[in-house]
Amino acid sequence: MAGEPQADCLFCKIVAGEVPATVVRETETTVAFRDINPQAPTHVLVIPKVHHPDAAALAAAEPAIAADVLREAGEVAAEEKQDSYRIVFNTGSGAGQTVFHAHAHVLGGRGLQWPPG
């Protein structure tokens, strides 16, 4: 069921404290932690504590929590002293999504080319 923790979801396990992560921020609705395979000097994931497979599903079901994820992405960037950064939501395996729990990548600390990917 959408919103409920999924037993086979890595990010649900991080939220539950069952899998370690380097947490940099946590709110009532979100957790932000360092990516284990960083693609930039600053690479932090911001996830909702509730399970939804991707950003669009999260926004459709729980728009206030989707807004929390975006707000926290900005807070992470500020704490990491990034005045230029990118927030990326990958949707689907063809776009590089490997964990099917909505999450934002906060990337900064190097030149970020456009267009990405």
C-alpha atoms as a PDB file:
ATOM      1  CA  MET A   1       0.000   0.000   0.000  1.00  0.00           C
ATOM      2  CA  ALA A   2       1.355   3.412  -0.964  1.00  0.00           C
ATOM      3  CA  GLY A   3       2.758   5.344   1.945  1.00  0.00           C
ATOM      4  CA  GLU A   4       3.380   2.213   4.020  1.00  0.00           C
ATOM      5  CA  PRO A   5       6.933   0.946   4.611  1.00  0.00           C
ATOM      6  CA  GLN A   6       7.988  -1.764   2.177  1.00  0.00           C
ATOM      7  CA  ALA A   7       9.968  -4.701   3.605  1.00  0.00           C
ATOM      8  CA  ASP A   8      12.222  -4.943   0.536  1.00  0.00           C
ATOM      9  CA  CYS A   9      12.918  -1.191   0.199  1.00  0.00           C
ATOM     10  CA  LEU A  10      16.426   0.002   1.096  1.00  0.00           C
ATOM     11  CA  PHE A  11      15.236   3.540   1.876  1.00  0.00           C
ATOM     12  CA  CYS A  12      12.382   2.307   4.091  1.00  0.00           C
ATOM     13  CA  LYS A  13      15.046   0.339   5.997  1.00  0.00           C
ATOM     14  CA  ILE A  14      17.145   3.514   6.369  1.00  0.00           C
ATOM     15  CA  VAL A  15      14.086   5.381   7.697  1.00  0.00           C
ATOM     16  CA  ALA A  16      13.481   2.555  10.196  1.00  0.00           C
ATOM     17  CA  GLY A  17      17.122   2.578  11.321  1.00  0.00           C
ATOM     18  CA  GLU A  18      17.673  -0.980  10.071  1.00  0.00           C
ATOM     19  CA  VAL A  19      20.347   0.059   7.548  1.00  0.00           C
ATOM     20  CA  PRO A  20      23.015   2.624   8.445  1.00  0.00           C
ATOM     21  CA  ALA A  21      23.355   5.898   6.584  1.00  0.00           C
ATOM     22  CA  THR A  22      25.290   9.106   7.122  1.00  0.00           C
ATOM     23  CA  VAL A  23      22.315  11.284   8.031  1.00  0.00           C
ATOM     24  CA  VAL A  24      22.871  15.036   7.647  1.00  0.00           C
ATOM     25  CA  ARG A  25      19.314  16.235   8.398  1.00  0.00           C
ATOM     26  CA  GLU A  26      16.083  14.726   9.640  1.00  0.00           C
ATOM     27  CA  THR A  27      12.612  16.176  10.052  1.00  0.00           C
ATOM     28  CA  GLU A  28       9.271  14.706  11.017  1.00  0.00           C
ATOM     29  CA  THR A  29       8.642  13.798   7.352  1.00  0.00           C
ATOM     30  CA  THR A  30      12.087  13.501   5.708  1.00  0.00           C
ATOM     31  CA  VAL A  31      15.587  12.091   6.068  1.00  0.00           C
ATOM     32  CA  ALA A  32      18.652  13.446   4.237  1.00  0.00           C
ATOM     33  CA  PHE A  33      21.816  11.360   3.970  1.00  0.00           C
ATOM     34  CA  ARG A  34      25.023  11.212   1.959  1.00  0.00           C
ATOM     35  CA  ASP A  35      24.957   9.140  -1.231  1.00  0.00           C
ATOM     36  CA  ILE A  36      27.227   6.088  -0.932  1.00  0.00           C
ATOM     37  CA  ASN A  37      28.371   6.594  -4.557  1.00  0.00           C
ATOM     38  CA  PRO A  38      28.677  10.389  -4.838  1.00  0.00           C
ATOM     39  CA  GLN A  39      28.584  11.954  -8.291  1.00  0.00           C
ATOM     40  CA  ALA A  40      29.679  15.402  -7.052  1.00  0.00           C
ATOM     41  CA  PRO A  41      31.521  16.790  -4.007  1.00  0.00           C
ATOM     42  CA  THR A  42      28.102  17.410  -2.450  1.00  0.00           C
ATOM     43  CA  HIS A  43      25.713  14.526  -3.128  1.00  0.00           C
ATOM     44  CA  VAL A  44      22.960  14.102  -0.561  1.00  0.00           C
ATOM     45  CA  LEU A  45      19.696  12.204  -0.947  1.00  0.00           C
ATOM     46  CA  VAL A  46      16.524  13.634   0.568  1.00  0.00           C
ATOM     47  CA  ILE A  47      13.755  11.078   1.024  1.00  0.00           C
ATOM     48  CA  PRO A  48      10.259  11.178   2.453  1.00  0.00           C
ATOM     49  CA  LYS A  49       9.736   8.873   5.414  1.00  0.00           C
ATOM     50  CA  VAL A  50       6.632   7.517   3.681  1.00  0.00           C
ATOM     51  CA  HIS A  51       7.052   5.106   0.775  1.00  0.00           C
ATOM     52  CA  HIS A  52       6.008   6.122  -2.725  1.00  0.00           C
ATOM     53  CA  PRO A  53       7.748   4.703  -5.797  1.00  0.00           C
ATOM     54  CA  ASP A  54       8.736   8.023  -7.372  1.00  0.00           C
ATOM     55  CA  ALA A  55       8.411  11.792  -7.095  1.00  0.00           C
ATOM     56  CA  ALA A  56       5.251  12.018  -9.216  1.00  0.00           C
ATOM     57  CA  ALA A  57       3.471   9.390  -7.112  1.00  0.00           C
ATOM     58  CA  LEU A  58       4.548  11.188  -3.934  1.00  0.00           C
ATOM     59  CA  ALA A  59       3.315  14.551  -5.233  1.00  0.00           C
ATOM     60  CA  ALA A  60      -0.019  13.083  -6.319  1.00  0.00           C
ATOM     61  CA  ALA A  61      -0.652  11.281  -3.025  1.00  0.00           C
ATOM     62  CA  GLU A  62       0.978  13.617  -0.498  1.00  0.00           C
ATOM     63  CA  PRO A  63       1.781  17.045  -1.963  1.00  0.00           C
ATOM     64  CA  ALA A  64       2.713  18.554   1.413  1.00  0.00           C
ATOM     65  CA  ILE A  65       5.387  15.895   1.925  1.00  0.00           C
ATOM     66  CA  ALA A  66       6.658  16.419  -1.634  1.00  0.00           C
ATOM     67  CA  ALA A  67       7.049  20.092  -0.699  1.00  0.00           C
ATOM     68  CA  ASP A  68       8.895  19.045   2.474  1.00  0.00           C
ATOM     69  CA  VAL A  69      11.389  17.082   0.339  1.00  0.00           C
ATOM     70  CA  LEU A  70      12.050  20.143  -1.827  1.00  0.00           C
ATOM     71  CA  ARG A  71      12.362  22.450   1.167  1.00  0.00           C
ATOM     72  CA  GLU A  72      14.815  20.075   2.822  1.00  0.00           C
ATOM     73  CA  ALA A  73      16.832  19.855  -0.401  1.00  0.00           C
ATOM     74  CA  GLY A  74      17.293  23.625  -0.150  1.00  0.00           C
ATOM     75  CA  GLU A  75      18.239  23.357   3.529  1.00  0.00           C
ATOM     76  CA  VAL A  76      20.808  20.663   2.731  1.00  0.00           C
ATOM     77  CA  ALA A  77      22.323  22.862   0.011  1.00  0.00           C
ATOM     78  CA  ALA A  78      22.512  25.804   2.437  1.00  0.00           C
ATOM     79  CA  GLU A  79      24.158  23.687   5.156  1.00  0.00           C
ATOM     80  CA  GLU A  80      26.629  22.340   2.590  1.00  0.00           C
ATOM     81  CA  LYS A  81      27.349  25.974   1.584  1.00  0.00           C
ATOM     82  CA  GLN A  82      26.175  25.434  -1.993  1.00  0.00           C
ATOM     83  CA  ASP A  83      24.784  28.543  -3.663  1.00  0.00           C
ATOM     84  CA  SER A  84      24.583  26.692  -6.997  1.00  0.00           C
ATOM     85  CA  TYR A  85      23.245  23.165  -6.945  1.00  0.00           C
ATOM     86  CA  ARG A  86      20.970  20.776  -8.756  1.00  0.00           C
ATOM     87  CA  ILE A  87      17.990  18.828  -7.411  1.00  0.00           C
ATOM     88  CA  VAL A  88      17.398  15.671  -9.466  1.00  0.00           C
ATOM     89  CA  PHE A  89      14.512  13.207  -9.319  1.00  0.00           C
ATOM     90  CA  ASN A  90      15.113  10.112 -11.470  1.00  0.00           C
ATOM     91  CA  THR A  91      11.941   8.256 -12.423  1.00  0.00           C
ATOM     92  CA  GLY A  92      12.175   4.740 -13.806  1.00  0.00           C
ATOM     93  CA  SER A  93      15.123   2.458 -14.424  1.00  0.00           C
ATOM     94  CA  GLY A  94      15.740   3.998 -17.866  1.00  0.00           C
ATOM     95  CA  ALA A  95      16.421   7.317 -16.126  1.00  0.00           C
ATOM     96  CA  GLY A  96      18.788   5.759 -13.593  1.00  0.00           C
ATOM     97  CA  GLN A  97      16.394   5.159 -10.694  1.00  0.00           C
ATOM     98  CA  THR A  98      17.691   2.143  -8.773  1.00  0.00           C
ATOM     99  CA  VAL A  99      15.732   2.471  -5.504  1.00  0.00           C
ATOM    100  CA  PHE A 100      12.001   2.777  -6.100  1.00  0.00           C
ATOM    101  CA  HIS A 101      11.275   5.044  -3.142  1.00  0.00           C
ATOM    102  CA  ALA A 102      10.884   8.719  -4.067  1.00  0.00           C
ATOM    103  CA  HIS A 103      14.097  10.648  -3.481  1.00  0.00           C
ATOM    104  CA  ALA A 104      15.817  13.856  -4.490  1.00  0.00           C
ATOM    105  CA  HIS A 105      19.529  14.029  -5.255  1.00  0.00           C
ATOM    106  CA  VAL A 106      21.112  17.315  -4.126  1.00  0.00           C
ATOM    107  CA  LEU A 107      24.264  17.788  -6.203  1.00  0.00           C
ATOM    108  CA  GLY A 108      26.798  20.602  -5.954  1.00  0.00           C
ATOM    109  CA  GLY A 109      30.395  21.541  -5.448  1.00  0.00           C
ATOM    110  CA  ARG A 110      31.479  21.282  -9.079  1.00  0.00           C
ATOM    111  CA  GLY A 111      30.432  22.655 -12.434  1.00  0.00           C
ATOM    112  CA  LEU A 112      27.181  21.017 -13.489  1.00  0.00           C
ATOM    113  CA  GLN A 113      26.765  20.912 -17.259  1.00  0.00           C
ATOM    114  CA  TRP A 114      23.491  21.490 -19.050  1.00  0.00           C
ATOM    115  CA  PRO A 115      21.792  19.532 -20.383  1.00  0.00           C
ATOM    116  CA  PRO A 116      22.368  16.781 -17.835  1.00  0.00           C
ATOM    117  CA  GLY A 117      22.589  13.089 -18.704  1.00  0.00           C
END
